Protein backbone atom coordinates (compact mmCIF):
# COMPACT_ATOMS: atom_id res chain seq x y z
CA MET A 1 26.44 59.97 -7.53
CA SER A 2 23.48 60.09 -9.92
CA ARG A 3 23.46 57.40 -12.57
CA THR A 4 22.04 57.43 -16.08
CA ILE A 5 19.45 54.67 -16.35
CA ARG A 6 19.38 52.92 -19.70
CA ILE A 7 16.94 50.48 -21.28
CA ALA A 8 18.11 47.71 -23.63
CA PRO A 9 15.37 45.81 -25.47
CA SER A 10 16.09 42.15 -26.09
CA ILE A 11 15.31 41.40 -29.69
CA LEU A 12 14.69 37.74 -28.86
CA THR A 13 11.04 38.66 -28.32
CA ALA A 14 10.79 40.80 -31.46
CA ASP A 15 8.98 39.77 -34.64
CA PHE A 16 11.85 38.40 -36.72
CA GLY A 17 9.69 38.61 -39.84
CA HIS A 18 9.91 42.38 -39.48
CA LEU A 19 13.19 42.66 -37.60
CA ALA A 20 14.43 45.94 -39.05
CA ASP A 21 11.04 47.56 -38.44
CA GLN A 22 11.03 46.33 -34.85
CA VAL A 23 14.55 47.63 -34.23
CA ASN A 24 13.66 50.98 -35.81
CA ALA A 25 10.52 51.24 -33.70
CA ALA A 26 12.45 50.56 -30.50
CA GLU A 27 15.08 53.12 -31.44
CA ALA A 28 12.39 55.70 -32.21
CA ALA A 29 10.81 54.91 -28.84
CA GLY A 30 13.98 56.08 -27.12
CA VAL A 31 15.80 52.93 -26.02
CA ASP A 32 19.53 53.26 -25.40
CA LEU A 33 21.06 50.14 -26.95
CA MET A 34 20.15 46.73 -28.36
CA HIS A 35 20.57 43.48 -26.40
CA LEU A 36 21.07 40.33 -28.47
CA ASP A 37 20.96 36.87 -26.90
CA VAL A 38 23.17 34.29 -28.62
CA MET A 39 22.32 30.78 -27.39
CA ASP A 40 24.02 27.61 -28.57
CA GLY A 41 21.59 24.88 -27.50
CA HIS A 42 24.20 23.51 -25.07
CA PHE A 43 24.91 26.07 -22.32
CA VAL A 44 21.15 26.60 -22.37
CA PRO A 45 18.78 24.29 -24.27
CA PRO A 46 17.34 26.89 -26.68
CA PHE A 47 19.18 27.84 -29.85
CA SER A 48 18.76 31.42 -31.03
CA PHE A 49 20.85 33.04 -33.76
CA GLY A 50 24.36 33.96 -34.77
CA THR A 51 26.35 36.64 -36.51
CA GLU A 52 23.90 37.13 -39.39
CA VAL A 53 21.22 38.51 -37.07
CA VAL A 54 23.75 40.67 -35.24
CA ALA A 55 24.82 42.11 -38.59
CA ALA A 56 21.19 42.69 -39.57
CA VAL A 57 20.54 44.63 -36.38
CA ARG A 58 23.77 46.58 -36.91
CA ALA A 59 22.53 47.56 -40.38
CA ALA A 60 19.19 48.68 -38.96
CA THR A 61 20.38 50.94 -36.13
CA SER A 62 23.13 53.29 -35.07
CA LEU A 63 22.59 52.42 -31.40
CA PRO A 64 25.20 50.39 -29.51
CA ILE A 65 24.81 46.61 -29.60
CA GLU A 66 25.62 44.28 -26.74
CA VAL A 67 25.68 40.53 -27.23
CA HIS A 68 24.89 38.17 -24.37
CA LEU A 69 26.61 34.85 -25.06
CA MET A 70 24.77 31.97 -23.44
CA VAL A 71 27.22 29.50 -24.98
CA GLU A 72 29.60 26.83 -23.74
CA ARG A 73 32.66 28.10 -25.66
CA PRO A 74 32.37 31.88 -25.88
CA ALA A 75 35.90 32.46 -27.22
CA GLU A 76 34.90 30.79 -30.50
CA HIS A 77 32.35 33.54 -31.15
CA PHE A 78 34.11 36.76 -30.11
CA GLU A 79 35.78 37.65 -33.40
CA GLY A 80 32.74 36.97 -35.57
CA LEU A 81 30.45 38.95 -33.30
CA ALA A 82 32.86 41.88 -33.22
CA GLN A 83 33.01 41.87 -37.01
CA ALA A 84 29.19 41.73 -37.15
CA GLY A 85 28.93 44.91 -35.09
CA ALA A 86 28.83 44.05 -31.39
CA GLU A 87 30.45 46.69 -29.16
CA THR A 88 29.95 44.86 -25.86
CA GLN A 89 30.35 41.10 -25.46
CA ILE A 90 29.02 39.44 -22.31
CA PHE A 91 30.07 35.90 -21.46
CA HIS A 92 28.93 33.74 -18.56
CA TYR A 93 31.16 33.11 -15.58
CA GLU A 94 29.67 29.62 -15.46
CA ALA A 95 30.93 28.95 -19.01
CA ALA A 96 34.43 30.15 -18.11
CA GLY A 97 34.39 28.14 -14.90
CA ASN A 98 37.09 30.01 -12.98
CA LEU A 99 38.84 33.34 -12.56
CA ASP A 100 41.87 32.57 -14.74
CA GLU A 101 39.83 31.50 -17.75
CA SER A 102 37.55 34.50 -17.23
CA ARG A 103 40.54 36.84 -17.34
CA THR A 104 41.70 35.21 -20.57
CA LEU A 105 38.28 35.76 -22.13
CA ILE A 106 38.22 39.38 -20.94
CA GLU A 107 41.59 39.98 -22.60
CA GLN A 108 40.36 38.42 -25.85
CA ILE A 109 37.31 40.69 -25.90
CA ARG A 110 39.39 43.80 -25.24
CA ALA A 111 41.81 42.80 -28.00
CA LEU A 112 38.86 43.09 -30.42
CA ASN A 113 38.13 46.63 -29.17
CA CYS A 114 34.93 45.47 -27.50
CA ALA A 115 33.85 46.12 -23.92
CA PRO A 116 33.91 42.96 -21.78
CA GLY A 117 30.90 42.03 -19.68
CA LEU A 118 30.32 39.12 -17.31
CA ALA A 119 26.92 37.48 -16.80
CA VAL A 120 26.24 35.51 -13.63
CA ASN A 121 23.49 32.97 -13.04
CA PRO A 122 21.22 33.11 -10.00
CA GLU A 123 23.26 30.53 -8.08
CA THR A 124 26.62 32.26 -8.60
CA ALA A 125 27.62 34.31 -5.54
CA LEU A 126 29.54 37.57 -5.65
CA ASP A 127 32.59 36.13 -3.90
CA GLU A 128 33.13 33.77 -6.86
CA PHE A 129 33.66 36.60 -9.38
CA GLU A 130 34.29 39.77 -7.37
CA ALA A 131 38.01 39.74 -8.18
CA LEU A 132 37.14 40.24 -11.86
CA ILE A 133 35.18 43.46 -11.39
CA PRO A 134 38.14 45.86 -11.95
CA ASP A 135 38.82 44.15 -15.31
CA LEU A 136 35.24 44.41 -16.59
CA ALA A 137 33.08 47.11 -18.13
CA GLN A 138 29.90 45.61 -16.69
CA VAL A 139 28.29 42.75 -14.82
CA THR A 140 24.95 41.33 -15.93
CA VAL A 141 23.03 39.84 -13.02
CA MET A 142 20.58 37.21 -14.21
CA THR A 143 17.35 37.51 -12.23
CA ILE A 144 15.88 34.46 -13.96
CA ARG A 145 17.27 31.16 -15.18
CA PRO A 146 18.94 32.02 -18.49
CA GLY A 147 17.58 30.79 -21.78
CA TRP A 148 13.84 31.37 -21.63
CA GLY A 149 11.75 34.52 -21.80
CA GLY A 150 8.55 35.08 -19.91
CA GLN A 151 9.90 34.27 -16.44
CA SER A 152 9.19 36.51 -13.47
CA LEU A 153 12.01 38.52 -11.93
CA ARG A 154 13.29 36.96 -8.72
CA GLU A 155 13.31 39.75 -6.17
CA ASP A 156 15.44 37.64 -3.82
CA LEU A 157 18.35 38.24 -6.24
CA LEU A 158 18.24 42.04 -5.99
CA PRO A 159 20.57 42.07 -2.94
CA LYS A 160 23.24 40.57 -5.23
CA VAL A 161 22.86 43.61 -7.47
CA THR A 162 23.34 45.87 -4.46
CA ALA A 163 26.43 43.92 -3.43
CA VAL A 164 27.95 44.16 -6.91
CA ARG A 165 27.30 47.92 -6.92
CA ALA A 166 29.02 48.25 -3.54
CA ALA A 167 32.01 46.26 -4.77
CA ALA A 168 32.34 48.45 -7.86
CA ASP A 169 32.01 51.63 -5.80
CA ASN A 170 34.59 50.39 -3.31
CA ALA A 171 36.96 49.78 -6.22
CA GLY A 172 36.45 53.36 -7.39
CA LEU A 173 34.83 52.31 -10.69
CA ASP A 174 32.53 55.27 -11.29
CA ALA A 175 31.60 54.23 -14.83
CA PHE A 176 30.96 50.58 -14.01
CA VAL A 177 27.70 49.25 -15.48
CA ILE A 178 25.40 46.84 -13.64
CA GLU A 179 22.74 45.26 -15.78
CA ILE A 180 19.70 43.25 -14.75
CA ASP A 181 18.47 40.67 -17.22
CA GLY A 182 15.27 38.76 -16.61
CA GLY A 183 11.68 39.69 -15.91
CA VAL A 184 12.08 43.48 -15.92
CA LYS A 185 8.64 45.11 -16.20
CA ALA A 186 7.11 48.48 -15.45
CA HIS A 187 5.96 47.30 -12.01
CA ASN A 188 9.48 46.32 -10.86
CA ILE A 189 11.89 48.48 -12.85
CA SER A 190 12.24 51.04 -10.06
CA GLN A 191 13.17 48.24 -7.63
CA CYS A 192 15.93 47.21 -10.02
CA VAL A 193 17.32 50.74 -10.12
CA ASN A 194 17.04 51.16 -6.36
CA ALA A 195 19.04 47.94 -5.97
CA GLY A 196 21.89 49.47 -7.98
CA ALA A 197 21.26 48.60 -11.63
CA ASP A 198 21.69 51.23 -14.32
CA LEU A 199 21.03 49.08 -17.40
CA LEU A 200 17.80 47.11 -17.71
CA VAL A 201 17.16 44.41 -20.30
CA ALA A 202 13.53 44.44 -21.36
CA GLY A 203 12.25 41.72 -23.66
CA SER A 204 8.50 41.23 -23.67
CA ALA A 205 8.21 44.52 -21.78
CA VAL A 206 9.13 46.24 -25.08
CA PHE A 207 8.11 43.76 -27.78
CA ASN A 208 4.63 42.39 -27.06
CA ALA A 209 1.24 41.97 -28.69
CA ASP A 210 -0.54 44.50 -26.48
CA GLN A 211 1.60 47.60 -27.02
CA THR A 212 3.71 49.29 -29.63
CA PRO A 213 7.37 49.66 -28.65
CA ALA A 214 6.71 53.38 -28.19
CA GLU A 215 3.90 52.71 -25.73
CA ALA A 216 5.93 50.06 -23.91
CA VAL A 217 9.06 52.19 -23.53
CA ALA A 218 6.98 55.18 -22.41
CA GLU A 219 5.45 53.00 -19.70
CA LEU A 220 8.89 51.89 -18.50
CA ARG A 221 10.19 55.48 -18.47
CA ALA A 222 7.12 56.64 -16.57
CA ALA A 223 7.67 53.93 -13.97
CA LEU A 224 11.26 55.14 -13.56
CA ALA A 225 10.09 58.73 -13.12
């Protein structure tokens, strides 16, 4: 089955002094949705932003917004993020800690009419979270340590992506989304897709000092072609 490959720029690397302009430029460049990293300074050391920035991005674009919660207590943020405009909310399996708590969080996200996603750190194996796949809209495979941009994609984690894709296919989940987050660049984006990903988070690959977003997204699309 052919899959639609989508690109989600992470606004964490955008120029926040011109946030609306950056979001508009990425949308004009042909990205598919916006990826917003919410970090609490505890689950990962950096602290990023909260609902105000999500609302600002919502006001600047009609594209879907997904929020990646790198936070210790994700349930505390779901309602506010939904009200701010997030359509997909991605929490970390490591923050939930087990399957039962993960299922509770998934139910809470769905109750807010948002799509539930699960992010997994490099050390988390498929057998720890595979039972959750039928309850999820997507899995985000971290191919770097979460919390910091500028890291290189770990190619040794691509087999996990392939395994998650096989698990979703075996469950008959044709619309299941597998996202790769971390180090996606033009030189490796095709490897990510070949591994089974159909949604690619691109931070500095879209927002950087050397290219306009239009040039950057065109380079990514050309690499996919």
